[in-house]
Amino acid sequence: MTTVIIPKELSETKGLVAAPKNSYKKFLAWQKKTKSVKTFKPTLSDIRSLDRARKNFVKGNYITLQKFKDELAGNNR
């Protein structure tokens, strides 16, 4: 049986994870892959638009997708 001694500093304050080497290698590959993918960074205009949309939603100032489709279908007659 293998014995592992964990220092108090790690066990009390920091998270310690034990994982099989193969799983850890897969995790590192996944992490490298996801870091290479560009993420969306909203502009100030995007942030303002989202804020306005959220406020309208809270006020109930919106229509459902089905109602929107029905209105479009009604306009095409």
Protein backbone atom coordinates (compact mmCIF):
# COMPACT_ATOMS: atom_id res chain seq x y z
CA MET A 1 0.00 0.00 0.00
CA THR A 2 1.21 3.48 -0.87
CA THR A 3 1.35 6.07 1.88
CA VAL A 4 1.05 9.75 1.08
CA ILE A 5 1.84 12.46 3.58
CA ILE A 6 -0.01 15.72 3.02
CA PRO A 7 1.57 18.82 4.57
CA LYS A 8 -0.71 20.80 6.87
CA GLU A 9 -0.32 23.89 4.67
CA LEU A 10 -1.97 22.08 1.76
CA SER A 11 -4.66 20.33 3.71
CA GLU A 12 -5.89 23.41 5.56
CA THR A 13 -5.76 26.29 3.10
CA LYS A 14 -5.30 25.02 -0.43
CA GLY A 15 -7.36 22.52 -2.36
CA LEU A 16 -5.59 19.25 -2.96
CA VAL A 17 -6.76 16.88 -5.67
CA ALA A 18 -5.43 13.41 -6.29
CA ALA A 19 -6.08 12.04 -9.77
CA PRO A 20 -4.68 9.27 -11.93
CA LYS A 21 -1.87 10.39 -14.22
CA ASN A 22 -3.83 9.58 -17.38
CA SER A 23 -6.80 11.68 -16.22
CA TYR A 24 -4.48 14.54 -15.34
CA LYS A 25 -2.88 14.41 -18.80
CA LYS A 26 -6.34 14.54 -20.41
CA PHE A 27 -7.22 17.50 -18.21
CA LEU A 28 -4.05 19.36 -19.20
CA ALA A 29 -4.78 18.73 -22.89
CA TRP A 30 -8.35 19.99 -22.45
CA GLN A 31 -7.13 23.04 -20.55
CA LYS A 32 -4.62 23.89 -23.27
CA LYS A 33 -7.32 23.49 -25.93
CA THR A 34 -9.83 25.71 -24.13
CA LYS A 35 -7.26 28.43 -23.46
CA SER A 36 -6.51 28.61 -27.17
CA VAL A 37 -10.17 29.31 -27.97
CA LYS A 38 -11.03 32.99 -28.10
CA THR A 39 -13.67 34.08 -25.65
CA PHE A 40 -16.26 36.78 -26.15
CA LYS A 41 -15.40 40.08 -24.53
CA PRO A 42 -18.34 42.47 -24.72
CA THR A 43 -17.77 46.07 -25.69
CA LEU A 44 -19.16 48.92 -23.64
CA SER A 45 -22.01 49.18 -26.14
CA ASP A 46 -22.77 45.45 -25.73
CA ILE A 47 -22.83 45.81 -21.95
CA ARG A 48 -25.22 48.76 -22.17
CA SER A 49 -27.49 46.88 -24.58
CA LEU A 50 -27.59 43.85 -22.29
CA ASP A 51 -28.36 46.06 -19.30
CA ARG A 52 -31.21 47.74 -21.19
CA ALA A 53 -32.56 44.35 -22.31
CA ARG A 54 -32.48 43.00 -18.75
CA LYS A 55 -34.35 46.05 -17.45
CA ASN A 56 -36.99 45.65 -20.18
CA PHE A 57 -37.35 41.98 -19.30
CA VAL A 58 -37.90 42.78 -15.62
CA LYS A 59 -40.56 45.33 -16.62
CA GLY A 60 -42.28 42.68 -18.74
CA ASN A 61 -41.54 44.62 -21.90
CA TYR A 62 -41.00 41.65 -24.23
CA ILE A 63 -42.89 39.19 -26.42
CA THR A 64 -42.51 35.44 -26.69
CA LEU A 65 -40.95 33.81 -29.72
CA GLN A 66 -44.28 32.18 -30.59
CA LYS A 67 -46.09 35.52 -30.49
CA PHE A 68 -43.38 37.03 -32.69
CA LYS A 69 -43.77 34.20 -35.21
CA ASP A 70 -47.55 34.62 -35.18
CA GLU A 71 -47.22 38.35 -35.82
CA LEU A 72 -44.82 37.73 -38.71
CA ALA A 73 -47.16 35.15 -40.20
CA GLY A 74 -50.08 37.58 -39.87
CA ASN A 75 -48.18 40.34 -41.68
CA ASN A 76 -47.39 38.09 -44.65
CA ARG A 77 -51.04 37.43 -45.52
